[in-house]
C-alpha atoms as a PDB file:
ATOM      1  CA  MET A   1      -0.110  -0.108  -0.119  1.00  0.00           C
ATOM      2  CA  ILE A   2       1.252   3.485  -0.783  1.00  0.00           C
ATOM      3  CA  GLN A   3      -0.222   6.839   0.803  1.00  0.00           C
ATOM      4  CA  ASN A   4       1.054  10.181  -0.054  1.00  0.00           C
ATOM      5  CA  ALA A   5       2.775   9.406  -3.237  1.00  0.00           C
ATOM      6  CA  ASN A   6       2.924  12.864  -5.211  1.00  0.00           C
ATOM      7  CA  ILE A   7       5.841  13.015  -7.664  1.00  0.00           C
ATOM      8  CA  SER A   8       5.147  16.938  -7.123  1.00  0.00           C
ATOM      9  CA  ASN A   9       6.623  17.331  -3.704  1.00  0.00           C
ATOM     10  CA  SER A  10       9.590  16.640  -2.958  1.00  0.00           C
ATOM     11  CA  LYS A  11       9.136  16.507   0.981  1.00  0.00           C
ATOM     12  CA  PRO A  12       9.737  13.226   2.427  1.00  0.00           C
ATOM     13  CA  ASP A  13       6.067  12.387   3.202  1.00  0.00           C
ATOM     14  CA  ALA A  14       5.298   9.013   1.299  1.00  0.00           C
ATOM     15  CA  THR A  15       4.872   5.510   3.067  1.00  0.00           C
ATOM     16  CA  LEU A  16       4.895   2.493   1.751  1.00  0.00           C
ATOM     17  CA  GLU A  17       3.984  -0.982   3.331  1.00  0.00           C
ATOM     18  CA  GLY A  18       4.809  -4.202   1.791  1.00  0.00           C
ATOM     19  CA  VAL A  19       7.189  -7.292   2.095  1.00  0.00           C
ATOM     20  CA  VAL A  20      11.204  -7.164   1.728  1.00  0.00           C
ATOM     21  CA  VAL A  21      12.404  -9.369  -0.725  1.00  0.00           C
ATOM     22  CA  ALA A  22      16.081  -8.040  -1.549  1.00  0.00           C
ATOM     23  CA  VAL A  23      18.705  -5.225   0.171  1.00  0.00           C
ATOM     24  CA  THR A  24      21.799  -5.008  -1.263  1.00  0.00           C
ATOM     25  CA  ASN A  25      24.854  -4.316   0.706  1.00  0.00           C
ATOM     26  CA  ILE A  26      26.488  -0.638   1.260  1.00  0.00           C
ATOM     27  CA  SER A  27      28.177  -0.056  -1.840  1.00  0.00           C
ATOM     28  CA  ASP A  28      30.318   2.952  -3.455  1.00  0.00           C
ATOM     29  CA  ASN A  29      28.047   5.922  -5.264  1.00  0.00           C
ATOM     30  CA  GLN A  30      29.877   5.465  -8.330  1.00  0.00           C
ATOM     31  CA  THR A  31      28.655   9.649  -8.987  1.00  0.00           C
ATOM     32  CA  ASP A  32      29.868  10.610  -5.731  1.00  0.00           C
ATOM     33  CA  LYS A  33      33.583   9.216  -4.805  1.00  0.00           C
ATOM     34  CA  LYS A  34      32.906   9.960  -1.151  1.00  0.00           C
ATOM     35  CA  GLY A  35      29.506   8.754  -0.532  1.00  0.00           C
ATOM     36  CA  LYS A  36      27.977   5.532  -0.433  1.00  0.00           C
ATOM     37  CA  TYR A  37      24.664   4.059  -1.299  1.00  0.00           C
ATOM     38  CA  TRP A  38      22.329   0.913  -1.059  1.00  0.00           C
ATOM     39  CA  THR A  39      19.109  -0.282  -2.677  1.00  0.00           C
ATOM     40  CA  ALA A  40      16.460  -2.676  -1.518  1.00  0.00           C
ATOM     41  CA  LEU A  41      12.989  -3.835  -3.268  1.00  0.00           C
ATOM     42  CA  ILE A  42       9.923  -3.945  -1.558  1.00  0.00           C
ATOM     43  CA  SER A  43       6.735  -6.293  -3.069  1.00  0.00           C
ATOM     44  CA  ASP A  44       3.341  -4.223  -2.099  1.00  0.00           C
ATOM     45  CA  SER A  45      -0.009  -5.801  -1.602  1.00  0.00           C
ATOM     46  CA  ASN A  46      -0.564  -5.443  -5.558  1.00  0.00           C
ATOM     47  CA  GLN A  47       2.346  -7.590  -5.986  1.00  0.00           C
ATOM     48  CA  ASN A  48       3.833  -4.268  -7.703  1.00  0.00           C
ATOM     49  CA  MET A  49       7.913  -3.894  -6.700  1.00  0.00           C
ATOM     50  CA  ASN A  50       9.460  -0.745  -5.833  1.00  0.00           C
ATOM     51  CA  ARG A  51      12.720   0.254  -5.122  1.00  0.00           C
ATOM     52  CA  ILE A  52      14.260   2.004  -2.019  1.00  0.00           C
ATOM     53  CA  THR A  53      17.664   3.904  -2.409  1.00  0.00           C
ATOM     54  CA  LYS A  54      19.464   5.586   0.530  1.00  0.00           C
ATOM     55  CA  TYR A  55      22.094   7.691  -0.401  1.00  0.00           C
ATOM     56  CA  LEU A  56      25.013   7.930   2.495  1.00  0.00           C
ATOM     57  CA  SER A  57      27.893   9.996   3.654  1.00  0.00           C
ATOM     58  CA  SER A  58      31.568   8.347   3.968  1.00  0.00           C
ATOM     59  CA  ARG A  59      29.947   6.611   6.919  1.00  0.00           C
ATOM     60  CA  ILE A  60      29.295   3.028   6.555  1.00  0.00           C
ATOM     61  CA  ASN A  61      26.845   2.464   9.436  1.00  0.00           C
ATOM     62  CA  CYS A  62      22.614   2.905   8.676  1.00  0.00           C
ATOM     63  CA  SER A  63      20.207   1.812  11.162  1.00  0.00           C
ATOM     64  CA  VAL A  64      17.726   2.314   8.210  1.00  0.00           C
ATOM     65  CA  HIS A  65      19.846  -0.613   6.246  1.00  0.00           C
ATOM     66  CA  VAL A  66      20.064  -2.546   9.083  1.00  0.00           C
ATOM     67  CA  LYS A  67      16.428  -2.615   9.855  1.00  0.00           C
ATOM     68  CA  MET A  68      15.686  -3.777   6.150  1.00  0.00           C
ATOM     69  CA  VAL A  69      18.612  -6.576   6.486  1.00  0.00           C
ATOM     70  CA  GLU A  70      16.341  -7.812   9.530  1.00  0.00           C
ATOM     71  CA  HIS A  71      12.814  -7.664   7.578  1.00  0.00           C
ATOM     72  CA  LEU A  72      14.574  -9.502   4.964  1.00  0.00           C
ATOM     73  CA  ASN A  73      15.283 -12.358   6.845  1.00  0.00           C
ATOM     74  CA  ASN A  74      12.410 -12.493   8.749  1.00  0.00           C
ATOM     75  CA  GLN A  75      10.062 -11.901   6.046  1.00  0.00           C
ATOM     76  CA  HIS A  76       7.596  -9.869   8.012  1.00  0.00           C
ATOM     77  CA  GLY A  77       6.010  -7.114   6.785  1.00  0.00           C
ATOM     78  CA  VAL A  78       7.840  -3.821   7.017  1.00  0.00           C
ATOM     79  CA  LYS A  79       6.253  -0.004   6.736  1.00  0.00           C
ATOM     80  CA  LEU A  80       8.289   2.798   5.840  1.00  0.00           C
ATOM     81  CA  ASN A  81       7.476   6.662   6.613  1.00  0.00           C
ATOM     82  CA  LYS A  82       8.979   9.834   5.659  1.00  0.00           C
ATOM     83  CA  LEU A  83       9.908   8.723   2.026  1.00  0.00           C
ATOM     84  CA  LYS A  84      10.627  10.619  -0.902  1.00  0.00           C
ATOM     85  CA  PHE A  85       8.526   9.474  -3.618  1.00  0.00           C
ATOM     86  CA  ASN A  86      10.531   9.699  -7.430  1.00  0.00           C
ATOM     87  CA  GLY A  87       7.841   8.175  -9.680  1.00  0.00           C
ATOM     88  CA  ASP A  88       7.603   4.519 -11.376  1.00  0.00           C
ATOM     89  CA  ASN A  89       7.921   2.942  -8.069  1.00  0.00           C
ATOM     90  CA  THR A  90      10.928   4.236  -6.809  1.00  0.00           C
ATOM     91  CA  TYR A  91      11.465   6.387  -3.649  1.00  0.00           C
ATOM     92  CA  VAL A  92      14.605   7.621  -1.496  1.00  0.00           C
ATOM     93  CA  ALA A  93      14.709   6.759   2.249  1.00  0.00           C
ATOM     94  CA  THR A  94      16.075  10.208   4.026  1.00  0.00           C
ATOM     95  CA  SER A  95      17.212  11.034   7.126  1.00  0.00           C
ATOM     96  CA  GLU A  96      13.787  10.858   8.644  1.00  0.00           C
ATOM     97  CA  THR A  97      12.607   7.722   7.211  1.00  0.00           C
ATOM     98  CA  ILE A  98      11.402   5.193   9.778  1.00  0.00           C
ATOM     99  CA  THR A  99      10.960   1.727   9.671  1.00  0.00           C
ATOM    100  CA  THR A 100       8.114  -0.059  11.542  1.00  0.00           C
ATOM    101  CA  PRO A 101       7.184  -4.176  11.390  1.00  0.00           C
ATOM    102  CA  LYS A 102       3.655  -4.412  10.116  1.00  0.00           C
ATOM    103  CA  VAL A 103       1.730  -7.885  10.259  1.00  0.00           C
ATOM    104  CA  LEU A 104       0.217  -8.635   6.421  1.00  0.00           C
ATOM    105  CA  SER A 105      -1.519 -11.315   4.520  1.00  0.00           C
ATOM    106  CA  PHE A 106       0.146 -11.799   1.158  1.00  0.00           C
ATOM    107  CA  ALA A 107       3.392 -13.292  -0.053  1.00  0.00           C
ATOM    108  CA  PRO A 108       5.437 -11.651  -3.103  1.00  0.00           C
ATOM    109  CA  LEU A 109       4.336 -13.790  -6.378  1.00  0.00           C
ATOM    110  CA  CYS A 110       8.143 -12.754  -7.444  1.00  0.00           C
ATOM    111  CA  ALA A 111       9.990 -14.995  -4.723  1.00  0.00           C
ATOM    112  CA  GLN A 112       7.973 -18.136  -5.659  1.00  0.00           C
ATOM    113  CA  ILE A 113       9.375 -20.339  -7.390  1.00  0.00           C
ATOM    114  CA  THR A 114       8.099 -20.581 -11.164  1.00  0.00           C
ATOM    115  CA  THR A 115       9.061 -22.513 -14.791  1.00  0.00           C
ATOM    116  CA  ILE A 116      10.516 -21.100 -17.655  1.00  0.00           C
ATOM    117  CA  LYS A 117       7.056 -21.792 -19.934  1.00  0.00           C
ATOM    118  CA  ASN A 118       5.477 -19.328 -17.411  1.00  0.00           C
ATOM    119  CA  ILE A 119       7.537 -16.684 -18.232  1.00  0.00           C
ATOM    120  CA  GLU A 120       5.633 -16.378 -21.827  1.00  0.00           C
ATOM    121  CA  SER A 121       2.836 -14.797 -19.892  1.00  0.00           C
ATOM    122  CA  MET A 122       4.723 -12.458 -18.113  1.00  0.00           C
ATOM    123  CA  THR A 123       5.449  -8.317 -18.923  1.00  0.00           C
ATOM    124  CA  ASP A 124       8.678  -6.949 -19.292  1.00  0.00           C
ATOM    125  CA  GLY A 125      10.080  -5.515 -16.309  1.00  0.00           C
ATOM    126  CA  GLU A 126       8.652  -8.555 -13.881  1.00  0.00           C
ATOM    127  CA  TYR A 127      10.908 -10.030 -11.029  1.00  0.00           C
ATOM    128  CA  LEU A 128      10.701 -13.994 -10.781  1.00  0.00           C
ATOM    129  CA  SER A 129      12.670 -16.954  -9.478  1.00  0.00           C
ATOM    130  CA  LEU A 130      13.063 -20.196 -10.852  1.00  0.00           C
ATOM    131  CA  THR A 131      15.249 -23.446 -10.959  1.00  0.00           C
ATOM    132  CA  CYS A 132      17.014 -23.969 -13.532  1.00  0.00           C
ATOM    133  CA  LYS A 133      20.536 -25.839 -15.376  1.00  0.00           C
ATOM    134  CA  ILE A 134      23.013 -24.017 -17.436  1.00  0.00           C
ATOM    135  CA  ILE A 135      23.509 -25.345 -20.807  1.00  0.00           C
ATOM    136  CA  ASP A 136      25.332 -23.183 -22.411  1.00  0.00           C
ATOM    137  CA  VAL A 137      27.383 -19.724 -21.587  1.00  0.00           C
ATOM    138  CA  GLY A 138      28.513 -17.020 -24.209  1.00  0.00           C
ATOM    139  CA  PHE A 139      31.510 -14.890 -24.191  1.00  0.00           C
ATOM    140  CA  ASP A 140      32.538 -11.876 -22.174  1.00  0.00           C
ATOM    141  CA  GLU A 141      30.530  -8.676 -24.155  1.00  0.00           C
ATOM    142  CA  THR A 142      30.927  -5.112 -22.942  1.00  0.00           C
ATOM    143  CA  VAL A 143      28.045  -2.607 -22.939  1.00  0.00           C
ATOM    144  CA  PHE A 144      28.266   0.807 -22.475  1.00  0.00           C
ATOM    145  CA  PHE A 145      25.397   2.919 -20.482  1.00  0.00           C
ATOM    146  CA  ASN A 146      25.006   6.382 -19.189  1.00  0.00           C
ATOM    147  CA  ASN A 147      24.453   7.021 -15.833  1.00  0.00           C
ATOM    148  CA  GLY A 148      22.604   9.805 -13.941  1.00  0.00           C
ATOM    149  CA  GLN A 149      25.451  12.323 -14.552  1.00  0.00           C
ATOM    150  CA  LYS A 150      25.731  11.124 -18.074  1.00  0.00           C
ATOM    151  CA  LYS A 151      28.705   9.592 -17.999  1.00  0.00           C
ATOM    152  CA  ARG A 152      29.665   6.485 -19.587  1.00  0.00           C
ATOM    153  CA  VAL A 153      29.863   3.655 -17.561  1.00  0.00           C
ATOM    154  CA  GLN A 154      31.302  -0.139 -19.016  1.00  0.00           C
ATOM    155  CA  LYS A 155      30.063  -3.020 -18.001  1.00  0.00           C
ATOM    156  CA  LEU A 156      30.701  -6.567 -18.557  1.00  0.00           C
ATOM    157  CA  LYS A 157      27.862  -9.342 -19.914  1.00  0.00           C
ATOM    158  CA  ARG A 158      27.465 -13.142 -20.593  1.00  0.00           C
ATOM    159  CA  THR A 159      24.651 -14.221 -22.408  1.00  0.00           C
ATOM    160  CA  ALA A 160      23.699 -17.698 -21.636  1.00  0.00           C
ATOM    161  CA  ILE A 161      21.147 -20.329 -22.616  1.00  0.00           C
ATOM    162  CA  ILE A 162      18.882 -22.325 -19.412  1.00  0.00           C
ATOM    163  CA  ALA A 163      16.835 -24.755 -19.045  1.00  0.00           C
ATOM    164  CA  ASP A 164      14.220 -26.459 -16.570  1.00  0.00           C
ATOM    165  CA  LYS A 165      11.539 -29.503 -17.469  1.00  0.00           C
ATOM    166  CA  THR A 166       9.125 -26.714 -19.390  1.00  0.00           C
ATOM    167  CA  ASP A 167      11.397 -25.012 -21.915  1.00  0.00           C
ATOM    168  CA  SER A 168      14.687 -22.738 -22.168  1.00  0.00           C
ATOM    169  CA  ILE A 169      15.412 -19.490 -22.390  1.00  0.00           C
ATOM    170  CA  HIS A 170      18.392 -16.974 -22.977  1.00  0.00           C
ATOM    171  CA  MET A 171      19.689 -14.795 -19.528  1.00  0.00           C
ATOM    172  CA  ASN A 172      21.509 -11.747 -19.578  1.00  0.00           C
ATOM    173  CA  ILE A 173      24.350 -12.688 -16.920  1.00  0.00           C
ATOM    174  CA  TRP A 174      26.289  -9.542 -15.649  1.00  0.00           C
ATOM    175  CA  GLU A 175      29.442  -8.873 -14.318  1.00  0.00           C
ATOM    176  CA  ASN A 176      28.927  -8.862 -10.779  1.00  0.00           C
ATOM    177  CA  GLN A 177      27.429 -12.503 -10.949  1.00  0.00           C
ATOM    178  CA  LEU A 178      29.638 -13.800 -13.757  1.00  0.00           C
ATOM    179  CA  ASN A 179      31.658 -15.824 -11.339  1.00  0.00           C
ATOM    180  CA  LEU A 180      28.693 -17.486  -9.368  1.00  0.00           C
ATOM    181  CA  ILE A 181      27.141 -19.587 -12.515  1.00  0.00           C
ATOM    182  CA  GLU A 182      28.854 -22.511 -14.405  1.00  0.00           C
ATOM    183  CA  LYS A 183      27.596 -24.720 -17.564  1.00  0.00           C
ATOM    184  CA  ASP A 184      26.019 -27.799 -16.863  1.00  0.00           C
ATOM    185  CA  LEU A 185      25.528 -26.968 -13.164  1.00  0.00           C
ATOM    186  CA  SER A 186      22.142 -26.177 -11.738  1.00  0.00           C
ATOM    187  CA  TYR A 187      21.036 -23.366  -9.607  1.00  0.00           C
ATOM    188  CA  ILE A 188      17.535 -21.647  -7.668  1.00  0.00           C
ATOM    189  CA  ILE A 189      17.870 -18.028  -9.165  1.00  0.00           C
ATOM    190  CA  LYS A 190      16.148 -15.493  -7.225  1.00  0.00           C
ATOM    191  CA  LEU A 191      14.901 -11.864  -8.557  1.00  0.00           C
ATOM    192  CA  ALA A 192      15.980 -12.260 -12.566  1.00  0.00           C
ATOM    193  CA  LYS A 193      13.681  -9.983 -14.570  1.00  0.00           C
ATOM    194  CA  VAL A 194      11.824 -10.135 -17.526  1.00  0.00           C
ATOM    195  CA  GLN A 195      12.965  -8.671 -21.028  1.00  0.00           C
ATOM    196  CA  ILE A 196      10.978  -8.289 -23.990  1.00  0.00           C
ATOM    197  CA  PHE A 197      12.690  -6.533 -27.038  1.00  0.00           C
ATOM    198  CA  ASN A 198      10.784  -7.007 -30.235  1.00  0.00           C
ATOM    199  CA  ASP A 199       8.539  -9.600 -28.923  1.00  0.00           C
ATOM    200  CA  ASP A 200      11.508 -11.509 -28.348  1.00  0.00           C
ATOM    201  CA  ILE A 201      11.579 -12.870 -24.432  1.00  0.00           C
ATOM    202  CA  SER A 202      14.611 -13.046 -22.240  1.00  0.00           C
ATOM    203  CA  ILE A 203      15.477 -12.864 -18.710  1.00  0.00           C
ATOM    204  CA  THR A 204      18.304 -10.735 -16.932  1.00  0.00           C
ATOM    205  CA  THR A 205      20.405 -10.612 -13.739  1.00  0.00           C
ATOM    206  CA  THR A 206      20.035  -7.330 -11.572  1.00  0.00           C
ATOM    207  CA  THR A 207      21.982  -6.107  -8.663  1.00  0.00           C
ATOM    208  CA  HIS A 208      19.242  -7.726  -6.740  1.00  0.00           C
ATOM    209  CA  THR A 209      19.335 -11.149  -8.474  1.00  0.00           C
ATOM    210  CA  MET A 210      20.578 -13.750  -6.102  1.00  0.00           C
END
């Protein structure tokens, strides 16, 4: 459930309720060499995925991050107050943000194991979890992105073919997971993301993929 999510209002007055499905470690901010940040994904009662980002100074301690990891581990609901809404299900946690436990009666679908065949009916950008075997892994490919300050960022990816008992599909694996996946081994992959381009469907890992 989302309340007071007014993008035209820059005040941190948005409230979000849901289940935490992923929390990253505190990492260096690429656009601010002295700063750090972390992100989290929260599934709300409508099964929408909401991204929370918290920017930090050079310090590495953050009480909100600690609480979010606790909620991730116990899979209880959480309510966050005093968020800044950025639109498109994205929020920024501020120094005023407070997390409190919340009793919720739903389970995030993105964390439930699905099949590759079921991916055909999913939408672009939808998160999913599945069990699969790595059939083949391609060569490294360099991809360039523009970050928030229009600086070019270089990342490596490999395209793999994965399969289960129902079908096979291509999966893009990005550099932070390249050493975690090997050909001919089977894995439970959590929080991959559906990609649809020119009616061609594939999946990709993200910073939240486990």
